[in-house]
Amino acid sequence: MNNIRRKELDKIRQELQILLERLETVKDEEQESYGNMPESLQASEKGEKSENAINNLEYACDNISDAIERLEEATE
């Protein structure tokens, strides 16, 4: 791989890292909100939606982390 493509991949990796940090912040805020709900509300539809959102955000974070790792491996 030439230096131009390596630099472009590194730039993309850095952008993904920033997006990952933003997503993790939102996920953490949602987890805190869910944790502060009374148990009765956690068991309600609202609580289930919050849990579902947290799970989906975790999945998205994991996938972005995997993409970052793959980009790092591609530029080695």
PDB file of N, CA and C in Angstrom:
ATOM      1  N   MET A   1       0.852  -1.167   0.000  1.00  0.00           N
ATOM      2  CA  MET A   1       0.000   0.000   0.000  1.00  0.00           C
ATOM      3  C   MET A   1       0.903   1.237   0.000  1.00  0.00           C
ATOM      4  N   ASN A   2       0.521   2.210  -0.797  1.00  0.00           N
ATOM      5  CA  ASN A   2       1.359   3.407  -0.854  1.00  0.00           C
ATOM      6  C   ASN A   2       1.010   4.382   0.272  1.00  0.00           C
ATOM      7  N   ASN A   3       1.854   5.373   0.446  1.00  0.00           N
ATOM      8  CA  ASN A   3       1.700   6.329   1.554  1.00  0.00           C
ATOM      9  C   ASN A   3       0.420   7.151   1.467  1.00  0.00           C
ATOM     10  N   ILE A   4      -0.007   7.470   0.270  1.00  0.00           N
ATOM     11  CA  ILE A   4      -1.240   8.270   0.118  1.00  0.00           C
ATOM     12  C   ILE A   4      -2.432   7.500   0.663  1.00  0.00           C
ATOM     13  N   ARG A   5      -2.551   6.225   0.296  1.00  0.00           N
ATOM     14  CA  ARG A   5      -3.671   5.415   0.793  1.00  0.00           C
ATOM     15  C   ARG A   5      -3.542   5.158   2.290  1.00  0.00           C
ATOM     16  N   ARG A   6      -2.313   4.953   2.772  1.00  0.00           N
ATOM     17  CA  ARG A   6      -2.103   4.776   4.217  1.00  0.00           C
ATOM     18  C   ARG A   6      -2.570   6.006   4.984  1.00  0.00           C
ATOM     19  N   LYS A   7      -2.221   7.171   4.496  1.00  0.00           N
ATOM     20  CA  LYS A   7      -2.626   8.416   5.165  1.00  0.00           C
ATOM     21  C   LYS A   7      -4.137   8.574   5.145  1.00  0.00           C
ATOM     22  N   GLU A   8      -4.767   8.214   4.034  1.00  0.00           N
ATOM     23  CA  GLU A   8      -6.229   8.307   3.939  1.00  0.00           C
ATOM     24  C   GLU A   8      -6.892   7.346   4.920  1.00  0.00           C
ATOM     25  N   LEU A   9      -6.374   6.130   5.013  1.00  0.00           N
ATOM     26  CA  LEU A   9      -6.924   5.170   5.967  1.00  0.00           C
ATOM     27  C   LEU A   9      -6.708   5.622   7.405  1.00  0.00           C
ATOM     28  N   ASP A  10      -5.568   6.232   7.673  1.00  0.00           N
ATOM     29  CA  ASP A  10      -5.312   6.742   9.022  1.00  0.00           C
ATOM     30  C   ASP A  10      -6.276   7.870   9.365  1.00  0.00           C
ATOM     31  N   LYS A  11      -6.554   8.718   8.393  1.00  0.00           N
ATOM     32  CA  LYS A  11      -7.522   9.805   8.610  1.00  0.00           C
ATOM     33  C   LYS A  11      -8.913   9.232   8.903  1.00  0.00           C
ATOM     34  N   ILE A  12      -9.318   8.230   8.151  1.00  0.00           N
ATOM     35  CA  ILE A  12     -10.618   7.584   8.376  1.00  0.00           C
ATOM     36  C   ILE A  12     -10.652   6.941   9.753  1.00  0.00           C
ATOM     37  N   ARG A  13      -9.552   6.277  10.131  1.00  0.00           N
ATOM     38  CA  ARG A  13      -9.476   5.642  11.446  1.00  0.00           C
ATOM     39  C   ARG A  13      -9.626   6.674  12.556  1.00  0.00           C
ATOM     40  N   GLN A  14      -8.993   7.820  12.398  1.00  0.00           N
ATOM     41  CA  GLN A  14      -9.100   8.875  13.401  1.00  0.00           C
ATOM     42  C   GLN A  14     -10.533   9.405  13.495  1.00  0.00           C
ATOM     43  N   GLU A  15     -11.189   9.554  12.357  1.00  0.00           N
ATOM     44  CA  GLU A  15     -12.587  10.013  12.346  1.00  0.00           C
ATOM     45  C   GLU A  15     -13.493   8.992  13.023  1.00  0.00           C
ATOM     46  N   LEU A  16     -13.249   7.719  12.757  1.00  0.00           N
ATOM     47  CA  LEU A  16     -14.032   6.675  13.416  1.00  0.00           C
ATOM     48  C   LEU A  16     -13.812   6.681  14.923  1.00  0.00           C
ATOM     49  N   GLN A  17     -12.593   6.949  15.355  1.00  0.00           N
ATOM     50  CA  GLN A  17     -12.291   7.008  16.784  1.00  0.00           C
ATOM     51  C   GLN A  17     -13.095   8.123  17.451  1.00  0.00           C
ATOM     52  N   ILE A  18     -13.196   9.259  16.792  1.00  0.00           N
ATOM     53  CA  ILE A  18     -13.980  10.377  17.322  1.00  0.00           C
ATOM     54  C   ILE A  18     -15.461   9.983  17.407  1.00  0.00           C
ATOM     55  N   LEU A  19     -15.974   9.360  16.358  1.00  0.00           N
ATOM     56  CA  LEU A  19     -17.372   8.912  16.362  1.00  0.00           C
ATOM     57  C   LEU A  19     -17.615   7.871  17.446  1.00  0.00           C
ATOM     58  N   LEU A  20     -16.656   6.977  17.637  1.00  0.00           N
ATOM     59  CA  LEU A  20     -16.781   5.958  18.683  1.00  0.00           C
ATOM     60  C   LEU A  20     -16.885   6.615  20.051  1.00  0.00           C
ATOM     61  N   GLU A  21     -16.059   7.599  20.301  1.00  0.00           N
ATOM     62  CA  GLU A  21     -16.101   8.292  21.587  1.00  0.00           C
ATOM     63  C   GLU A  21     -17.444   8.992  21.799  1.00  0.00           C
ATOM     64  N   ARG A  22     -17.990   9.585  20.754  1.00  0.00           N
ATOM     65  CA  ARG A  22     -19.298  10.244  20.858  1.00  0.00           C
ATOM     66  C   ARG A  22     -20.395   9.219  21.146  1.00  0.00           C
ATOM     67  N   LEU A  23     -20.345   8.093  20.436  1.00  0.00           N
ATOM     68  CA  LEU A  23     -21.340   7.035  20.666  1.00  0.00           C
ATOM     69  C   LEU A  23     -21.251   6.477  22.078  1.00  0.00           C
ATOM     70  N   GLU A  24     -20.039   6.273  22.556  1.00  0.00           N
ATOM     71  CA  GLU A  24     -19.860   5.759  23.914  1.00  0.00           C
ATOM     72  C   GLU A  24     -20.417   6.732  24.946  1.00  0.00           C
ATOM     73  N   THR A  25     -20.283   8.015  24.691  1.00  0.00           N
ATOM     74  CA  THR A  25     -20.831   9.023  25.600  1.00  0.00           C
ATOM     75  C   THR A  25     -22.352   8.924  25.651  1.00  0.00           C
ATOM     76  N   VAL A  26     -22.971   8.814  24.489  1.00  0.00           N
ATOM     77  CA  VAL A  26     -24.437   8.687  24.437  1.00  0.00           C
ATOM     78  C   VAL A  26     -24.879   7.403  25.129  1.00  0.00           C
ATOM     79  N   LYS A  27     -24.159   6.314  24.869  1.00  0.00           N
ATOM     80  CA  LYS A  27     -24.492   5.025  25.498  1.00  0.00           C
ATOM     81  C   LYS A  27     -24.376   5.123  27.011  1.00  0.00           C
ATOM     82  N   ASP A  28     -23.309   5.732  27.496  1.00  0.00           N
ATOM     83  CA  ASP A  28     -23.114   5.886  28.934  1.00  0.00           C
ATOM     84  C   ASP A  28     -24.216   6.731  29.566  1.00  0.00           C
ATOM     85  N   GLU A  29     -24.618   7.790  28.858  1.00  0.00           N
ATOM     86  CA  GLU A  29     -25.700   8.639  29.364  1.00  0.00           C
ATOM     87  C   GLU A  29     -27.009   7.859  29.436  1.00  0.00           C
ATOM     88  N   GLU A  30     -27.268   7.037  28.413  1.00  0.00           N
ATOM     89  CA  GLU A  30     -28.498   6.235  28.402  1.00  0.00           C
ATOM     90  C   GLU A  30     -28.456   5.193  29.515  1.00  0.00           C
ATOM     91  N   GLN A  31     -27.290   4.583  29.742  1.00  0.00           N
ATOM     92  CA  GLN A  31     -27.151   3.617  30.829  1.00  0.00           C
ATOM     93  C   GLN A  31     -27.382   4.283  32.179  1.00  0.00           C
ATOM     94  N   GLU A  32     -26.860   5.475  32.349  1.00  0.00           N
ATOM     95  CA  GLU A  32     -27.058   6.198  33.604  1.00  0.00           C
ATOM     96  C   GLU A  32     -28.533   6.529  33.800  1.00  0.00           C
ATOM     97  N   SER A  33     -29.174   6.959  32.726  1.00  0.00           N
ATOM     98  CA  SER A  33     -30.601   7.277  32.800  1.00  0.00           C
ATOM     99  C   SER A  33     -31.405   6.035  33.174  1.00  0.00           C
ATOM    100  N   TYR A  34     -31.083   4.912  32.540  1.00  0.00           N
ATOM    101  CA  TYR A  34     -31.776   3.662  32.846  1.00  0.00           C
ATOM    102  C   TYR A  34     -31.525   3.250  34.297  1.00  0.00           C
ATOM    103  N   GLY A  35     -30.298   3.371  34.740  1.00  0.00           N
ATOM    104  CA  GLY A  35     -29.949   3.002  36.111  1.00  0.00           C
ATOM    105  C   GLY A  35     -30.642   3.851  37.154  1.00  0.00           C
ATOM    106  N   ASN A  36     -30.974   5.080  36.791  1.00  0.00           N
ATOM    107  CA  ASN A  36     -31.648   5.984  37.722  1.00  0.00           C
ATOM    108  C   ASN A  36     -33.169   5.818  37.720  1.00  0.00           C
ATOM    109  N   MET A  37     -33.679   4.982  36.809  1.00  0.00           N
ATOM    110  CA  MET A  37     -35.130   4.735  36.763  1.00  0.00           C
ATOM    111  C   MET A  37     -35.522   3.845  37.932  1.00  0.00           C
ATOM    112  N   PRO A  38     -36.708   4.086  38.487  1.00  0.00           N
ATOM    113  CA  PRO A  38     -37.231   3.138  39.474  1.00  0.00           C
ATOM    114  C   PRO A  38     -37.449   1.774  38.800  1.00  0.00           C
ATOM    115  N   GLU A  39     -37.373   0.716  39.594  1.00  0.00           N
ATOM    116  CA  GLU A  39     -37.517  -0.631  39.024  1.00  0.00           C
ATOM    117  C   GLU A  39     -38.822  -0.793  38.261  1.00  0.00           C
ATOM    118  N   SER A  40     -39.867  -0.185  38.759  1.00  0.00           N
ATOM    119  CA  SER A  40     -41.159  -0.311  38.072  1.00  0.00           C
ATOM    120  C   SER A  40     -41.095   0.309  36.679  1.00  0.00           C
ATOM    121  N   LEU A  41     -40.353   1.386  36.531  1.00  0.00           N
ATOM    122  CA  LEU A  41     -40.214   2.030  35.224  1.00  0.00           C
ATOM    123  C   LEU A  41     -39.260   1.234  34.332  1.00  0.00           C
ATOM    124  N   GLN A  42     -38.229   0.623  34.926  1.00  0.00           N
ATOM    125  CA  GLN A  42     -37.312  -0.208  34.151  1.00  0.00           C
ATOM    126  C   GLN A  42     -38.053  -1.382  33.523  1.00  0.00           C
ATOM    127  N   ALA A  43     -39.059  -1.896  34.219  1.00  0.00           N
ATOM    128  CA  ALA A  43     -39.823  -3.042  33.723  1.00  0.00           C
ATOM    129  C   ALA A  43     -40.909  -2.631  32.731  1.00  0.00           C
ATOM    130  N   SER A  44     -41.084  -1.333  32.546  1.00  0.00           N
ATOM    131  CA  SER A  44     -42.133  -0.851  31.645  1.00  0.00           C
ATOM    132  C   SER A  44     -41.619  -0.801  30.200  1.00  0.00           C
ATOM    133  N   GLU A  45     -42.497  -0.405  29.305  1.00  0.00           N
ATOM    134  CA  GLU A  45     -42.130  -0.279  27.893  1.00  0.00           C
ATOM    135  C   GLU A  45     -40.998   0.741  27.714  1.00  0.00           C
ATOM    136  N   LYS A  46     -41.059   1.824  28.470  1.00  0.00           N
ATOM    137  CA  LYS A  46     -40.008   2.842  28.398  1.00  0.00           C
ATOM    138  C   LYS A  46     -38.654   2.256  28.804  1.00  0.00           C
ATOM    139  N   GLY A  47     -38.642   1.473  29.853  1.00  0.00           N
ATOM    140  CA  GLY A  47     -37.413   0.834  30.301  1.00  0.00           C
ATOM    141  C   GLY A  47     -36.885  -0.164  29.277  1.00  0.00           C
ATOM    142  N   GLU A  48     -37.792  -0.919  28.688  1.00  0.00           N
ATOM    143  CA  GLU A  48     -37.395  -1.887  27.667  1.00  0.00           C
ATOM    144  C   GLU A  48     -36.795  -1.181  26.452  1.00  0.00           C
ATOM    145  N   LYS A  49     -37.382  -0.052  26.065  1.00  0.00           N
ATOM    146  CA  LYS A  49     -36.845   0.710  24.938  1.00  0.00           C
ATOM    147  C   LYS A  49     -35.456   1.249  25.267  1.00  0.00           C
ATOM    148  N   SER A  50     -35.277   1.685  26.488  1.00  0.00           N
ATOM    149  CA  SER A  50     -33.975   2.183  26.915  1.00  0.00           C
ATOM    150  C   SER A  50     -32.940   1.062  26.880  1.00  0.00           C
ATOM    151  N   GLU A  51     -33.313  -0.105  27.401  1.00  0.00           N
ATOM    152  CA  GLU A  51     -32.405  -1.265  27.374  1.00  0.00           C
ATOM    153  C   GLU A  51     -32.054  -1.658  25.944  1.00  0.00           C
ATOM    154  N   ASN A  52     -33.046  -1.641  25.080  1.00  0.00           N
ATOM    155  CA  ASN A  52     -32.829  -1.973  23.678  1.00  0.00           C
ATOM    156  C   ASN A  52     -31.866  -0.974  23.035  1.00  0.00           C
ATOM    157  N   ALA A  53     -32.051   0.297  23.336  1.00  0.00           N
ATOM    158  CA  ALA A  53     -31.156   1.326  22.802  1.00  0.00           C
ATOM    159  C   ALA A  53     -29.729   1.104  23.296  1.00  0.00           C
ATOM    160  N   ILE A  54     -29.575   0.797  24.563  1.00  0.00           N
ATOM    161  CA  ILE A  54     -28.245   0.547  25.132  1.00  0.00           C
ATOM    162  C   ILE A  54     -27.589  -0.635  24.426  1.00  0.00           C
ATOM    163  N   ASN A  55     -28.328  -1.713  24.242  1.00  0.00           N
ATOM    164  CA  ASN A  55     -27.786  -2.893  23.566  1.00  0.00           C
ATOM    165  C   ASN A  55     -27.360  -2.576  22.133  1.00  0.00           C
ATOM    166  N   ASN A  56     -28.185  -1.805  21.425  1.00  0.00           N
ATOM    167  CA  ASN A  56     -27.855  -1.442  20.051  1.00  0.00           C
ATOM    168  C   ASN A  56     -26.647  -0.512  19.988  1.00  0.00           C
ATOM    169  N   LEU A  57     -26.551   0.396  20.940  1.00  0.00           N
ATOM    170  CA  LEU A  57     -25.393   1.291  20.984  1.00  0.00           C
ATOM    171  C   LEU A  57     -24.116   0.516  21.292  1.00  0.00           C
ATOM    172  N   GLU A  58     -24.205  -0.452  22.192  1.00  0.00           N
ATOM    173  CA  GLU A  58     -23.043  -1.303  22.484  1.00  0.00           C
ATOM    174  C   GLU A  58     -22.609  -2.069  21.237  1.00  0.00           C
ATOM    175  N   TYR A  59     -23.573  -2.583  20.503  1.00  0.00           N
ATOM    176  CA  TYR A  59     -23.284  -3.321  19.276  1.00  0.00           C
ATOM    177  C   TYR A  59     -22.602  -2.407  18.256  1.00  0.00           C
ATOM    178  N   ALA A  60     -23.132  -1.185  18.113  1.00  0.00           N
ATOM    179  CA  ALA A  60     -22.535  -0.224  17.181  1.00  0.00           C
ATOM    180  C   ALA A  60     -21.107   0.124  17.595  1.00  0.00           C
ATOM    181  N   CYS A  61     -20.894   0.333  18.886  1.00  0.00           N
ATOM    182  CA  CYS A  61     -19.546   0.641  19.391  1.00  0.00           C
ATOM    183  C   CYS A  61     -18.590  -0.509  19.104  1.00  0.00           C
ATOM    184  N   ASP A  62     -19.036  -1.723  19.332  1.00  0.00           N
ATOM    185  CA  ASP A  62     -18.200  -2.895  19.067  1.00  0.00           C
ATOM    186  C   ASP A  62     -17.813  -2.972  17.593  1.00  0.00           C
ATOM    187  N   ASN A  63     -18.778  -2.702  16.724  1.00  0.00           N
ATOM    188  CA  ASN A  63     -18.502  -2.775  15.287  1.00  0.00           C
ATOM    189  C   ASN A  63     -17.543  -1.674  14.837  1.00  0.00           C
ATOM    190  N   ILE A  64     -17.688  -0.493  15.384  1.00  0.00           N
ATOM    191  CA  ILE A  64     -16.767   0.582  15.035  1.00  0.00           C
ATOM    192  C   ILE A  64     -15.365   0.261  15.556  1.00  0.00           C
ATOM    193  N   SER A  65     -15.285  -0.287  16.754  1.00  0.00           N
ATOM    194  CA  SER A  65     -13.984  -0.708  17.300  1.00  0.00           C
ATOM    195  C   SER A  65     -13.330  -1.744  16.397  1.00  0.00           C
ATOM    196  N   ASP A  66     -14.125  -2.689  15.919  1.00  0.00           N
ATOM    197  CA  ASP A  66     -13.601  -3.704  15.006  1.00  0.00           C
ATOM    198  C   ASP A  66     -13.099  -3.062  13.713  1.00  0.00           C
ATOM    199  N   ALA A  67     -13.842  -2.099  13.196  1.00  0.00           N
ATOM    200  CA  ALA A  67     -13.431  -1.413  11.966  1.00  0.00           C
ATOM    201  C   ALA A  67     -12.115  -0.671  12.178  1.00  0.00           C
ATOM    202  N   ILE A  68     -11.973  -0.031  13.324  1.00  0.00           N
ATOM    203  CA  ILE A  68     -10.729   0.676  13.635  1.00  0.00           C
ATOM    204  C   ILE A  68      -9.564  -0.307  13.652  1.00  0.00           C
ATOM    205  N   GLU A  69      -9.744  -1.445  14.294  1.00  0.00           N
ATOM    206  CA  GLU A  69      -8.694  -2.461  14.355  1.00  0.00           C
ATOM    207  C   GLU A  69      -8.332  -2.959  12.955  1.00  0.00           C
ATOM    208  N   ARG A  70      -9.323  -3.180  12.116  1.00  0.00           N
ATOM    209  CA  ARG A  70      -9.071  -3.668  10.759  1.00  0.00           C
ATOM    210  C   ARG A  70      -8.282  -2.626   9.951  1.00  0.00           C
ATOM    211  N   LEU A  71      -8.623  -1.365  10.135  1.00  0.00           N
ATOM    212  CA  LEU A  71      -7.885  -0.319   9.425  1.00  0.00           C
ATOM    213  C   LEU A  71      -6.441  -0.256   9.889  1.00  0.00           C
ATOM    214  N   GLU A  72      -6.241  -0.425  11.192  1.00  0.00           N
ATOM    215  CA  GLU A  72      -4.869  -0.443  11.713  1.00  0.00           C
ATOM    216  C   GLU A  72      -4.091  -1.605  11.112  1.00  0.00           C
ATOM    217  N   GLU A  73      -4.721  -2.764  11.032  1.00  0.00           N
ATOM    218  CA  GLU A  73      -4.064  -3.942  10.456  1.00  0.00           C
ATOM    219  C   GLU A  73      -3.782  -3.738   8.964  1.00  0.00           C
ATOM    220  N   ALA A  74      -4.673  -3.057   8.281  1.00  0.00           N
ATOM    221  CA  ALA A  74      -4.503  -2.846   6.840  1.00  0.00           C
ATOM    222  C   ALA A  74      -3.314  -1.947   6.528  1.00  0.00           C
ATOM    223  N   THR A  75      -2.962  -1.081   7.466  1.00  0.00           N
ATOM    224  CA  THR A  75      -1.876  -0.136   7.205  1.00  0.00           C
ATOM    225  C   THR A  75      -0.534  -0.593   7.755  1.00  0.00           C
ATOM    226  N   GLU A  76      -0.478  -1.783   8.340  1.00  0.00           N
ATOM    227  CA  GLU A  76       0.784  -2.292   8.880  1.00  0.00           C
ATOM    228  C   GLU A  76       1.700  -2.750   7.771  1.00  0.00           C
TER     229      GLU A  76
END
